[in-house]
Amino acid sequence: MKRGERLRVFSGRAHPQLAGDICAHMGIPLGEVTVRDFPDREIDLKVECDVRGADVFVVQPTCPPVHDNLFELLSFIDCLRRASAEKITAVIPYFGYARKDRKDEGRVPINAKLVANLITVAGADRVLAIDLHAAQIQGFFDIPVDHLFARPVLMEKVRELGAENPVIVSPDVGGTKLARAYAKELKADLAIVDKRRISGHETVIENIVGAVEDRDVVLVDDMISTGGSISDAARIVKARGANRVFIVATHGVLCGEAVKKLNDCPAETILLSDTIPIRGEAPARLVKASVAPLLARAIDRIHRSESVSSLFETSMRDHDLR
């Protein structure tokens, strides 16, 4: 295999559009693969090009349907290992099961660790992820993990929103660190919504720490799943006198009635990255930001054995593919 052909990028069925965009930015073709289901829905996968001795990257967010996409990723890694790929990197823009990162009560699994073990045992040499729900998941892997942040990508769009006298608001205490990073970069104030979770589907908002009256509010979170928490937060900051409300999140899981809740909330704009494809109806007032250039630069740097840390905090436009 020629040196220029040692880099291969493949996509599972979870998000082929993102993989194609990554390859377009890198100026390389997407690797050929056949993936289909047997009648009983078992996965039938075959890589259609030579990968012997290659540095291979598999793009596959483990978004819904989580188990299908996860096992497809595992099958892909196993296939490439048996085809004698030299290095295999699992590019997981969205890491499913990240919320099960600890035992918060007795007799429950730590599924994030289980998934990390599965990916490692399947044969991956490295993982590339964006905005893990819990940063400590990096330590669940016994292989290197490059953890990128989508904030530089989203920040460019946030500035285009034209928020006046903005305040960055975290919809819960757990998201304070992320919100503080946005506030620092925008030189804006920070506020926190104090909420109490009743169940996995229901929360109660009790208070707001910080001032939002007569100010534009930018609600920041790492993911929107059912949409309940961030929609409730949008309503309460509006009720407390906020002028305009903008919602910004990395991962748009959008399950259940999330789209309806977002459409019904008072947010003027809902800004999401494309780490997860939107299947079905998209929220009204949706603006999307692509992480493809960020991932393309990260893949290029990993392939060249160069530092990826410069992509963690700085804007993408400062890093060009050479």
C-alpha atoms as a PDB file:
ATOM      1  CA  MET A   1       0.000   0.000   0.000  1.00  0.00           C
ATOM      2  CA  LYS A   2       1.381   3.430  -0.989  1.00  0.00           C
ATOM      3  CA  ARG A   3       2.024   5.966   1.757  1.00  0.00           C
ATOM      4  CA  GLY A   4      -0.767   8.229   0.493  1.00  0.00           C
ATOM      5  CA  GLU A   5      -3.206   5.326   0.706  1.00  0.00           C
ATOM      6  CA  ARG A   6      -2.365   4.390   4.308  1.00  0.00           C
ATOM      7  CA  LEU A   7      -5.160   6.625   5.635  1.00  0.00           C
ATOM      8  CA  ARG A   8      -8.675   5.213   5.337  1.00  0.00           C
ATOM      9  CA  VAL A   9     -11.931   6.670   6.664  1.00  0.00           C
ATOM     10  CA  PHE A  10     -15.055   4.522   6.839  1.00  0.00           C
ATOM     11  CA  SER A  11     -18.589   5.139   7.978  1.00  0.00           C
ATOM     12  CA  GLY A  12     -21.182   2.926   9.541  1.00  0.00           C
ATOM     13  CA  ARG A  13     -24.865   3.603   8.964  1.00  0.00           C
ATOM     14  CA  ALA A  14     -25.289   5.896  11.965  1.00  0.00           C
ATOM     15  CA  HIS A  15     -24.145   9.117  10.263  1.00  0.00           C
ATOM     16  CA  PRO A  16     -22.744   8.673   6.726  1.00  0.00           C
ATOM     17  CA  GLN A  17     -23.330  12.368   5.939  1.00  0.00           C
ATOM     18  CA  LEU A  18     -20.868  13.455   8.608  1.00  0.00           C
ATOM     19  CA  ALA A  19     -18.274  10.921   7.459  1.00  0.00           C
ATOM     20  CA  GLY A  20     -18.675  12.123   3.887  1.00  0.00           C
ATOM     21  CA  ASP A  21     -18.229  15.752   4.981  1.00  0.00           C
ATOM     22  CA  ILE A  22     -15.075  14.810   6.904  1.00  0.00           C
ATOM     23  CA  CYS A  23     -13.604  13.142   3.831  1.00  0.00           C
ATOM     24  CA  ALA A  24     -14.569  16.123   1.669  1.00  0.00           C
ATOM     25  CA  HIS A  25     -12.611  18.430   3.989  1.00  0.00           C
ATOM     26  CA  MET A  26      -9.632  16.066   3.882  1.00  0.00           C
ATOM     27  CA  GLY A  27      -9.768  15.586   0.127  1.00  0.00           C
ATOM     28  CA  ILE A  28      -9.932  11.800   0.338  1.00  0.00           C
ATOM     29  CA  PRO A  29     -12.612   9.303  -0.714  1.00  0.00           C
ATOM     30  CA  LEU A  30     -14.797   7.592   1.847  1.00  0.00           C
ATOM     31  CA  GLY A  31     -13.830   3.944   2.172  1.00  0.00           C
ATOM     32  CA  GLU A  32     -16.076   1.438   0.417  1.00  0.00           C
ATOM     33  CA  VAL A  33     -18.061  -0.895   2.638  1.00  0.00           C
ATOM     34  CA  THR A  34     -21.212  -2.978   2.383  1.00  0.00           C
ATOM     35  CA  VAL A  35     -23.417  -3.023   5.480  1.00  0.00           C
ATOM     36  CA  ARG A  36     -26.815  -4.685   5.496  1.00  0.00           C
ATOM     37  CA  ASP A  37     -29.048  -6.740   7.755  1.00  0.00           C
ATOM     38  CA  PHE A  38     -29.962 -10.383   7.547  1.00  0.00           C
ATOM     39  CA  PRO A  39     -33.700 -11.105   7.795  1.00  0.00           C
ATOM     40  CA  ASP A  40     -33.324 -11.594  11.559  1.00  0.00           C
ATOM     41  CA  ARG A  41     -31.567  -8.158  11.752  1.00  0.00           C
ATOM     42  CA  GLU A  42     -28.100  -9.545  12.398  1.00  0.00           C
ATOM     43  CA  ILE A  43     -25.464  -7.314  10.807  1.00  0.00           C
ATOM     44  CA  ASP A  44     -23.736  -8.399   7.593  1.00  0.00           C
ATOM     45  CA  LEU A  45     -20.656  -6.214   6.994  1.00  0.00           C
ATOM     46  CA  LYS A  46     -17.837  -6.335   4.464  1.00  0.00           C
ATOM     47  CA  VAL A  47     -15.052  -3.829   3.781  1.00  0.00           C
ATOM     48  CA  GLU A  48     -14.694  -3.556   0.011  1.00  0.00           C
ATOM     49  CA  CYS A  49     -11.128  -2.186  -0.201  1.00  0.00           C
ATOM     50  CA  ASP A  50      -7.665  -3.173   1.001  1.00  0.00           C
ATOM     51  CA  VAL A  51      -6.832  -2.033   4.559  1.00  0.00           C
ATOM     52  CA  ARG A  52      -3.743  -4.167   5.252  1.00  0.00           C
ATOM     53  CA  GLY A  53      -1.228  -1.935   7.019  1.00  0.00           C
ATOM     54  CA  ALA A  54      -3.566   1.065   6.895  1.00  0.00           C
ATOM     55  CA  ASP A  55      -4.347   3.714   9.512  1.00  0.00           C
ATOM     56  CA  VAL A  56      -8.136   3.370   9.668  1.00  0.00           C
ATOM     57  CA  PHE A  57     -10.778   5.651  11.184  1.00  0.00           C
ATOM     58  CA  VAL A  58     -14.382   4.489  11.633  1.00  0.00           C
ATOM     59  CA  VAL A  59     -16.975   7.271  12.060  1.00  0.00           C
ATOM     60  CA  GLN A  60     -19.938   5.994  14.055  1.00  0.00           C
ATOM     61  CA  PRO A  61     -21.837   7.920  16.755  1.00  0.00           C
ATOM     62  CA  THR A  62     -23.625   5.522  19.086  1.00  0.00           C
ATOM     63  CA  CYS A  63     -26.866   7.487  18.914  1.00  0.00           C
ATOM     64  CA  PRO A  64     -30.363   5.953  18.647  1.00  0.00           C
ATOM     65  CA  PRO A  65     -30.876   3.183  17.754  1.00  0.00           C
ATOM     66  CA  VAL A  66     -28.066   2.862  20.286  1.00  0.00           C
ATOM     67  CA  HIS A  67     -27.623  -0.905  20.336  1.00  0.00           C
ATOM     68  CA  ASP A  68     -27.706  -1.268  16.543  1.00  0.00           C
ATOM     69  CA  ASN A  69     -25.128   1.479  16.074  1.00  0.00           C
ATOM     70  CA  LEU A  70     -22.919   0.241  18.902  1.00  0.00           C
ATOM     71  CA  PHE A  71     -22.795  -3.348  17.681  1.00  0.00           C
ATOM     72  CA  GLU A  72     -22.203  -2.138  14.121  1.00  0.00           C
ATOM     73  CA  LEU A  73     -19.192  -0.187  15.405  1.00  0.00           C
ATOM     74  CA  LEU A  74     -17.891  -3.261  17.229  1.00  0.00           C
ATOM     75  CA  SER A  75     -18.375  -5.390  14.102  1.00  0.00           C
ATOM     76  CA  PHE A  76     -16.530  -2.795  12.019  1.00  0.00           C
ATOM     77  CA  ILE A  77     -13.564  -2.767  14.410  1.00  0.00           C
ATOM     78  CA  ASP A  78     -13.407  -6.571  14.492  1.00  0.00           C
ATOM     79  CA  CYS A  79     -13.596  -6.716  10.694  1.00  0.00           C
ATOM     80  CA  LEU A  80     -10.727  -4.241  10.291  1.00  0.00           C
ATOM     81  CA  ARG A  81      -8.584  -6.010  12.867  1.00  0.00           C
ATOM     82  CA  ARG A  82      -9.029  -9.329  11.063  1.00  0.00           C
ATOM     83  CA  ALA A  83      -8.245  -7.581   7.749  1.00  0.00           C
ATOM     84  CA  SER A  84      -4.820  -6.598   9.169  1.00  0.00           C
ATOM     85  CA  ALA A  85      -5.334  -2.850   9.558  1.00  0.00           C
ATOM     86  CA  GLU A  86      -2.300  -1.409  11.319  1.00  0.00           C
ATOM     87  CA  LYS A  87      -4.201   1.077  13.530  1.00  0.00           C
ATOM     88  CA  ILE A  88      -7.928   1.479  14.169  1.00  0.00           C
ATOM     89  CA  THR A  89      -9.457   4.638  15.615  1.00  0.00           C
ATOM     90  CA  ALA A  90     -13.122   4.663  16.628  1.00  0.00           C
ATOM     91  CA  VAL A  91     -14.446   8.145  15.851  1.00  0.00           C
ATOM     92  CA  ILE A  92     -17.464   8.472  18.130  1.00  0.00           C
ATOM     93  CA  PRO A  93     -18.865  12.024  17.832  1.00  0.00           C
ATOM     94  CA  TYR A  94     -21.607  11.081  20.309  1.00  0.00           C
ATOM     95  CA  PHE A  95     -20.852   8.447  22.955  1.00  0.00           C
ATOM     96  CA  GLY A  96     -24.000   6.646  24.058  1.00  0.00           C
ATOM     97  CA  TYR A  97     -24.472   5.383  27.630  1.00  0.00           C
ATOM     98  CA  ALA A  98     -22.303   8.255  28.873  1.00  0.00           C
ATOM     99  CA  ARG A  99     -24.884   9.122  31.541  1.00  0.00           C
ATOM    100  CA  LYS A 100     -24.368   5.737  33.210  1.00  0.00           C
ATOM    101  CA  ASP A 101     -20.861   6.625  34.341  1.00  0.00           C
ATOM    102  CA  ARG A 102     -21.132   5.686  38.034  1.00  0.00           C
ATOM    103  CA  LYS A 103     -23.194   3.759  40.560  1.00  0.00           C
ATOM    104  CA  ASP A 104     -25.587   6.416  41.840  1.00  0.00           C
ATOM    105  CA  GLU A 105     -27.547   3.749  43.728  1.00  0.00           C
ATOM    106  CA  GLY A 106     -27.185   0.096  44.616  1.00  0.00           C
ATOM    107  CA  ARG A 107     -27.444  -2.778  42.116  1.00  0.00           C
ATOM    108  CA  VAL A 108     -27.027  -0.765  38.902  1.00  0.00           C
ATOM    109  CA  PRO A 109     -24.439  -1.214  36.121  1.00  0.00           C
ATOM    110  CA  ILE A 110     -21.821   1.261  34.949  1.00  0.00           C
ATOM    111  CA  ASN A 111     -22.675   0.972  31.281  1.00  0.00           C
ATOM    112  CA  ALA A 112     -20.195   3.615  30.134  1.00  0.00           C
ATOM    113  CA  LYS A 113     -17.365   1.421  31.425  1.00  0.00           C
ATOM    114  CA  LEU A 114     -18.927  -1.658  29.831  1.00  0.00           C
ATOM    115  CA  VAL A 115     -19.078   0.079  26.436  1.00  0.00           C
ATOM    116  CA  ALA A 116     -15.469   1.212  26.817  1.00  0.00           C
ATOM    117  CA  ASN A 117     -14.441  -2.379  27.503  1.00  0.00           C
ATOM    118  CA  LEU A 118     -16.354  -3.651  24.461  1.00  0.00           C
ATOM    119  CA  ILE A 119     -14.704  -1.135  22.125  1.00  0.00           C
ATOM    120  CA  THR A 120     -11.262  -1.966  23.491  1.00  0.00           C
ATOM    121  CA  VAL A 121     -11.738  -5.734  23.333  1.00  0.00           C
ATOM    122  CA  ALA A 122     -13.115  -5.470  19.780  1.00  0.00           C
ATOM    123  CA  GLY A 123      -9.683  -4.190  18.753  1.00  0.00           C
ATOM    124  CA  ALA A 124      -9.727  -0.377  18.650  1.00  0.00           C
ATOM    125  CA  ASP A 125      -6.351   1.290  19.226  1.00  0.00           C
ATOM    126  CA  ARG A 126      -7.704   4.775  19.917  1.00  0.00           C
ATOM    127  CA  VAL A 127     -10.964   6.657  20.451  1.00  0.00           C
ATOM    128  CA  LEU A 128     -11.826  10.137  19.183  1.00  0.00           C
ATOM    129  CA  ALA A 129     -14.903  11.676  20.830  1.00  0.00           C
ATOM    130  CA  ILE A 130     -16.631  15.036  21.164  1.00  0.00           C
ATOM    131  CA  ASP A 131     -18.093  16.480  24.388  1.00  0.00           C
ATOM    132  CA  LEU A 132     -18.377  13.364  26.514  1.00  0.00           C
ATOM    133  CA  HIS A 133     -21.229  13.792  28.986  1.00  0.00           C
ATOM    134  CA  ALA A 134     -18.791  12.910  31.777  1.00  0.00           C
ATOM    135  CA  ALA A 135     -15.113  13.707  31.214  1.00  0.00           C
ATOM    136  CA  GLN A 136     -13.980  10.843  33.464  1.00  0.00           C
ATOM    137  CA  ILE A 137     -15.137   8.363  30.805  1.00  0.00           C
ATOM    138  CA  GLN A 138     -11.745   8.928  29.186  1.00  0.00           C
ATOM    139  CA  GLY A 139     -10.291   6.957  32.088  1.00  0.00           C
ATOM    140  CA  PHE A 140     -12.628   4.025  31.438  1.00  0.00           C
ATOM    141  CA  PHE A 141     -10.579   3.140  28.355  1.00  0.00           C
ATOM    142  CA  ASP A 142      -7.259   1.311  28.454  1.00  0.00           C
ATOM    143  CA  ILE A 143      -6.386   2.899  25.104  1.00  0.00           C
ATOM    144  CA  PRO A 144      -5.733   6.571  24.232  1.00  0.00           C
ATOM    145  CA  VAL A 145      -8.770   8.851  24.041  1.00  0.00           C
ATOM    146  CA  ASP A 146      -8.760  12.223  22.275  1.00  0.00           C
ATOM    147  CA  HIS A 147     -11.612  14.247  23.745  1.00  0.00           C
ATOM    148  CA  LEU A 148     -12.534  17.233  21.583  1.00  0.00           C
ATOM    149  CA  PHE A 149     -14.877  20.082  22.450  1.00  0.00           C
ATOM    150  CA  ALA A 150     -17.508  21.419  20.061  1.00  0.00           C
ATOM    151  CA  ARG A 151     -17.435  24.847  21.688  1.00  0.00           C
ATOM    152  CA  PRO A 152     -15.079  26.428  19.092  1.00  0.00           C
ATOM    153  CA  VAL A 153     -17.468  25.290  16.340  1.00  0.00           C
ATOM    154  CA  LEU A 154     -20.610  26.436  18.135  1.00  0.00           C
ATOM    155  CA  MET A 155     -19.056  29.675  19.363  1.00  0.00           C
ATOM    156  CA  GLU A 156     -18.750  31.022  15.828  1.00  0.00           C
ATOM    157  CA  LYS A 157     -22.512  30.584  15.409  1.00  0.00           C
ATOM    158  CA  VAL A 158     -23.243  31.957  18.890  1.00  0.00           C
ATOM    159  CA  ARG A 159     -21.506  35.199  17.998  1.00  0.00           C
ATOM    160  CA  GLU A 160     -23.694  35.450  14.891  1.00  0.00           C
ATOM    161  CA  LEU A 161     -26.828  35.376  17.065  1.00  0.00           C
ATOM    162  CA  GLY A 162     -26.233  39.006  18.014  1.00  0.00           C
ATOM    163  CA  ALA A 163     -27.135  38.578  21.690  1.00  0.00           C
ATOM    164  CA  GLU A 164     -27.128  41.934  23.514  1.00  0.00           C
ATOM    165  CA  ASN A 165     -25.834  42.149  27.090  1.00  0.00           C
ATOM    166  CA  PRO A 166     -25.837  38.316  27.164  1.00  0.00           C
ATOM    167  CA  VAL A 167     -25.840  36.039  30.164  1.00  0.00           C
ATOM    168  CA  ILE A 168     -24.846  32.402  29.757  1.00  0.00           C
ATOM    169  CA  VAL A 169     -27.186  30.082  31.638  1.00  0.00           C
ATOM    170  CA  SER A 170     -26.628  26.448  32.584  1.00  0.00           C
ATOM    171  CA  PRO A 171     -29.922  24.490  32.788  1.00  0.00           C
ATOM    172  CA  ASP A 172     -28.552  22.534  35.775  1.00  0.00           C
ATOM    173  CA  VAL A 173     -25.689  22.585  38.251  1.00  0.00           C
ATOM    174  CA  GLY A 174     -23.900  19.754  36.435  1.00  0.00           C
ATOM    175  CA  GLY A 175     -23.437  21.893  33.334  1.00  0.00           C
ATOM    176  CA  THR A 176     -21.825  24.805  35.169  1.00  0.00           C
ATOM    177  CA  LYS A 177     -18.297  24.092  33.921  1.00  0.00           C
ATOM    178  CA  LEU A 178     -19.418  24.069  30.285  1.00  0.00           C
ATOM    179  CA  ALA A 179     -21.482  27.247  30.717  1.00  0.00           C
ATOM    180  CA  ARG A 180     -18.569  28.974  32.475  1.00  0.00           C
ATOM    181  CA  ALA A 181     -16.321  28.210  29.490  1.00  0.00           C
ATOM    182  CA  TYR A 182     -18.819  29.890  27.137  1.00  0.00           C
ATOM    183  CA  ALA A 183     -19.195  32.836  29.525  1.00  0.00           C
ATOM    184  CA  LYS A 184     -15.444  33.297  29.741  1.00  0.00           C
ATOM    185  CA  GLU A 185     -15.018  33.315  25.974  1.00  0.00           C
ATOM    186  CA  LEU A 186     -17.907  35.741  25.449  1.00  0.00           C
ATOM    187  CA  LYS A 187     -16.893  37.837  28.479  1.00  0.00           C
ATOM    188  CA  ALA A 188     -20.441  37.392  29.739  1.00  0.00           C
ATOM    189  CA  ASP A 189     -22.020  36.742  33.121  1.00  0.00           C
ATOM    190  CA  LEU A 190     -23.047  33.281  34.276  1.00  0.00           C
ATOM    191  CA  ALA A 191     -26.325  32.074  35.776  1.00  0.00           C
ATOM    192  CA  ILE A 192     -27.466  28.612  36.859  1.00  0.00           C
ATOM    193  CA  VAL A 193     -30.891  27.020  36.924  1.00  0.00           C
ATOM    194  CA  ASP A 194     -31.342  25.033  40.126  1.00  0.00           C
ATOM    195  CA  LYS A 195     -33.393  21.954  39.288  1.00  0.00           C
ATOM    196  CA  ARG A 196     -34.299  18.775  41.098  1.00  0.00           C
ATOM    197  CA  ARG A 197     -34.644  15.545  39.136  1.00  0.00           C
ATOM    198  CA  ILE A 198     -37.702  13.491  40.086  1.00  0.00           C
ATOM    199  CA  SER A 199     -37.109  10.695  37.570  1.00  0.00           C
ATOM    200  CA  GLY A 200     -35.259  10.014  34.332  1.00  0.00           C
ATOM    201  CA  HIS A 201     -38.006  11.895  32.479  1.00  0.00           C
ATOM    202  CA  GLU A 202     -39.096  14.630  34.876  1.00  0.00           C
ATOM    203  CA  THR A 203     -37.408  17.513  36.676  1.00  0.00           C
ATOM    204  CA  VAL A 204     -38.598  20.395  38.825  1.00  0.00           C
ATOM    205  CA  ILE A 205     -36.957  23.836  38.518  1.00  0.00           C
ATOM    206  CA  GLU A 206     -36.723  25.545  41.887  1.00  0.00           C
ATOM    207  CA  ASN A 207     -34.612  28.683  41.467  1.00  0.00           C
ATOM    208  CA  ILE A 208     -32.196  30.677  39.301  1.00  0.00           C
ATOM    209  CA  VAL A 209     -28.799  31.665  40.649  1.00  0.00           C
ATOM    210  CA  GLY A 210     -27.854  34.869  38.856  1.00  0.00           C
ATOM    211  CA  ALA A 211     -29.573  37.763  37.081  1.00  0.00           C
ATOM    212  CA  VAL A 212     -31.356  37.313  33.754  1.00  0.00           C
ATOM    213  CA  GLU A 213     -33.840  40.206  33.789  1.00  0.00           C
ATOM    214  CA  ASP A 214     -33.649  42.538  30.749  1.00  0.00           C
ATOM    215  CA  ARG A 215     -30.851  40.475  29.224  1.00  0.00           C
ATOM    216  CA  ASP A 216     -30.464  38.067  26.320  1.00  0.00           C
ATOM    217  CA  VAL A 217     -30.030  34.525  27.625  1.00  0.00           C
ATOM    218  CA  VAL A 218     -27.896  31.829  25.980  1.00  0.00           C
ATOM    219  CA  LEU A 219     -28.848  28.439  27.455  1.00  0.00           C
ATOM    220  CA  VAL A 220     -25.922  26.025  27.064  1.00  0.00           C
ATOM    221  CA  ASP A 221     -25.889  22.233  27.486  1.00  0.00           C
ATOM    222  CA  ASP A 222     -23.908  19.289  26.142  1.00  0.00           C
ATOM    223  CA  MET A 223     -26.975  17.376  24.935  1.00  0.00           C
ATOM    224  CA  ILE A 224     -30.728  17.649  24.454  1.00  0.00           C
ATOM    225  CA  SER A 225     -32.407  14.295  24.968  1.00  0.00           C
ATOM    226  CA  THR A 226     -36.100  14.569  25.837  1.00  0.00           C
ATOM    227  CA  GLY A 227     -35.915  18.363  25.758  1.00  0.00           C
ATOM    228  CA  GLY A 228     -37.734  18.768  29.056  1.00  0.00           C
ATOM    229  CA  SER A 229     -35.027  20.387  31.164  1.00  0.00           C
ATOM    230  CA  ILE A 230     -33.828  22.953  28.653  1.00  0.00           C
ATOM    231  CA  SER A 231     -37.367  23.840  27.523  1.00  0.00           C
ATOM    232  CA  ASP A 232     -38.401  24.390  31.153  1.00  0.00           C
ATOM    233  CA  ALA A 233     -35.273  26.464  31.688  1.00  0.00           C
ATOM    234  CA  ALA A 234     -36.144  28.613  28.655  1.00  0.00           C
ATOM    235  CA  ARG A 235     -39.606  29.236  30.032  1.00  0.00           C
ATOM    236  CA  ILE A 236     -38.433  30.136  33.520  1.00  0.00           C
ATOM    237  CA  VAL A 237     -35.747  32.601  32.380  1.00  0.00           C
ATOM    238  CA  LYS A 238     -38.345  34.222  30.138  1.00  0.00           C
ATOM    239  CA  ALA A 239     -40.723  34.415  33.089  1.00  0.00           C
ATOM    240  CA  ARG A 240     -37.946  36.033  35.127  1.00  0.00           C
ATOM    241  CA  GLY A 241     -37.682  38.866  32.616  1.00  0.00           C
ATOM    242  CA  ALA A 242     -35.166  37.704  30.017  1.00  0.00           C
ATOM    243  CA  ASN A 243     -35.395  39.446  26.650  1.00  0.00           C
ATOM    244  CA  ARG A 244     -34.431  36.877  24.030  1.00  0.00           C
ATOM    245  CA  VAL A 245     -33.578  33.228  24.693  1.00  0.00           C
ATOM    246  CA  PHE A 246     -31.195  31.110  22.623  1.00  0.00           C
ATOM    247  CA  ILE A 247     -30.535  27.390  23.131  1.00  0.00           C
ATOM    248  CA  VAL A 248     -27.103  25.938  22.318  1.00  0.00           C
ATOM    249  CA  ALA A 249     -26.189  22.253  22.626  1.00  0.00           C
ATOM    250  CA  THR A 250     -23.637  19.874  21.125  1.00  0.00           C
ATOM    251  CA  HIS A 251     -25.662  16.676  20.792  1.00  0.00           C
ATOM    252  CA  GLY A 252     -29.243  16.742  19.538  1.00  0.00           C
ATOM    253  CA  VAL A 253     -30.471  13.310  20.647  1.00  0.00           C
ATOM    254  CA  LEU A 254     -34.082  14.576  20.394  1.00  0.00           C
ATOM    255  CA  CYS A 255     -35.983  11.517  21.557  1.00  0.00           C
ATOM    256  CA  GLY A 256     -39.602  11.212  22.633  1.00  0.00           C
ATOM    257  CA  GLU A 257     -41.451  14.539  22.417  1.00  0.00           C
ATOM    258  CA  ALA A 258     -38.269  16.627  22.368  1.00  0.00           C
ATOM    259  CA  VAL A 259     -39.080  18.370  19.084  1.00  0.00           C
ATOM    260  CA  LYS A 260     -42.557  19.362  20.283  1.00  0.00           C
ATOM    261  CA  LYS A 261     -41.153  20.681  23.570  1.00  0.00           C
ATOM    262  CA  LEU A 262     -38.526  22.727  21.765  1.00  0.00           C
ATOM    263  CA  ASN A 263     -41.082  24.101  19.321  1.00  0.00           C
ATOM    264  CA  ASP A 264     -43.332  25.121  22.213  1.00  0.00           C
ATOM    265  CA  CYS A 265     -40.606  26.821  24.267  1.00  0.00           C
ATOM    266  CA  PRO A 266     -39.821  30.555  23.882  1.00  0.00           C
ATOM    267  CA  ALA A 267     -36.328  30.126  22.417  1.00  0.00           C
ATOM    268  CA  GLU A 268     -35.717  32.201  19.281  1.00  0.00           C
ATOM    269  CA  THR A 269     -32.961  29.926  17.986  1.00  0.00           C
ATOM    270  CA  ILE A 270     -31.930  26.332  18.692  1.00  0.00           C
ATOM    271  CA  LEU A 271     -28.293  25.796  17.769  1.00  0.00           C
ATOM    272  CA  LEU A 272     -27.048  22.204  17.504  1.00  0.00           C
ATOM    273  CA  SER A 273     -23.949  20.568  16.080  1.00  0.00           C
ATOM    274  CA  ASP A 274     -24.218  17.669  13.629  1.00  0.00           C
ATOM    275  CA  THR A 275     -22.631  14.996  15.837  1.00  0.00           C
ATOM    276  CA  ILE A 276     -25.980  13.188  15.587  1.00  0.00           C
ATOM    277  CA  PRO A 277     -28.185  13.097  12.467  1.00  0.00           C
ATOM    278  CA  ILE A 278     -31.687  14.458  12.902  1.00  0.00           C
ATOM    279  CA  ARG A 279     -34.106  11.743  11.900  1.00  0.00           C
ATOM    280  CA  GLY A 280     -37.684  12.761  11.255  1.00  0.00           C
ATOM    281  CA  GLU A 281     -38.984  16.229  12.035  1.00  0.00           C
ATOM    282  CA  ALA A 282     -36.414  18.874  12.947  1.00  0.00           C
ATOM    283  CA  PRO A 283     -37.137  21.593  15.505  1.00  0.00           C
ATOM    284  CA  ALA A 284     -38.358  24.912  14.202  1.00  0.00           C
ATOM    285  CA  ARG A 285     -35.800  27.748  14.349  1.00  0.00           C
ATOM    286  CA  LEU A 286     -32.980  25.180  14.119  1.00  0.00           C
ATOM    287  CA  VAL A 287     -29.460  26.298  13.193  1.00  0.00           C
ATOM    288  CA  LYS A 288     -26.785  23.629  12.660  1.00  0.00           C
ATOM    289  CA  ALA A 289     -23.018  23.839  13.034  1.00  0.00           C
ATOM    290  CA  SER A 290     -20.821  21.188  11.452  1.00  0.00           C
ATOM    291  CA  VAL A 291     -18.100  19.402  13.404  1.00  0.00           C
ATOM    292  CA  ALA A 292     -16.738  17.838  10.193  1.00  0.00           C
ATOM    293  CA  PRO A 293     -13.838  20.343   9.817  1.00  0.00           C
ATOM    294  CA  LEU A 294     -12.872  19.823  13.465  1.00  0.00           C
ATOM    295  CA  LEU A 295     -12.886  16.029  13.124  1.00  0.00           C
ATOM    296  CA  ALA A 296     -11.028  16.232   9.803  1.00  0.00           C
ATOM    297  CA  ARG A 297      -8.234  18.197  11.446  1.00  0.00           C
ATOM    298  CA  ALA A 298      -8.123  15.814  14.396  1.00  0.00           C
ATOM    299  CA  ILE A 299      -7.948  12.756  12.129  1.00  0.00           C
ATOM    300  CA  ASP A 300      -5.202  14.370  10.062  1.00  0.00           C
ATOM    301  CA  ARG A 301      -3.158  15.170  13.156  1.00  0.00           C
ATOM    302  CA  ILE A 302      -3.596  11.687  14.642  1.00  0.00           C
ATOM    303  CA  HIS A 303      -2.562  10.139  11.327  1.00  0.00           C
ATOM    304  CA  ARG A 304       0.554  12.322  11.254  1.00  0.00           C
ATOM    305  CA  SER A 305       1.307  11.579  14.934  1.00  0.00           C
ATOM    306  CA  GLU A 306       0.960  15.279  15.744  1.00  0.00           C
ATOM    307  CA  SER A 307      -0.565  16.939  18.783  1.00  0.00           C
ATOM    308  CA  VAL A 308      -4.362  17.088  18.929  1.00  0.00           C
ATOM    309  CA  SER A 309      -4.473  19.203  22.096  1.00  0.00           C
ATOM    310  CA  SER A 310      -4.345  22.439  20.097  1.00  0.00           C
ATOM    311  CA  LEU A 311      -7.814  21.582  18.774  1.00  0.00           C
ATOM    312  CA  PHE A 312      -9.298  21.274  22.271  1.00  0.00           C
ATOM    313  CA  GLU A 313      -9.819  24.955  22.942  1.00  0.00           C
ATOM    314  CA  THR A 314      -8.911  27.035  19.923  1.00  0.00           C
ATOM    315  CA  SER A 315     -11.001  27.907  16.917  1.00  0.00           C
ATOM    316  CA  MET A 316     -10.879  25.608  13.928  1.00  0.00           C
ATOM    317  CA  ARG A 317     -10.039  28.346  11.487  1.00  0.00           C
ATOM    318  CA  ASP A 318      -6.594  28.644  13.102  1.00  0.00           C
ATOM    319  CA  HIS A 319      -5.738  25.063  12.046  1.00  0.00           C
ATOM    320  CA  ASP A 320      -5.508  24.227   8.366  1.00  0.00           C
ATOM    321  CA  LEU A 321      -4.844  20.836   6.824  1.00  0.00           C
ATOM    322  CA  ARG A 322      -1.380  20.823   5.320  1.00  0.00           C
END
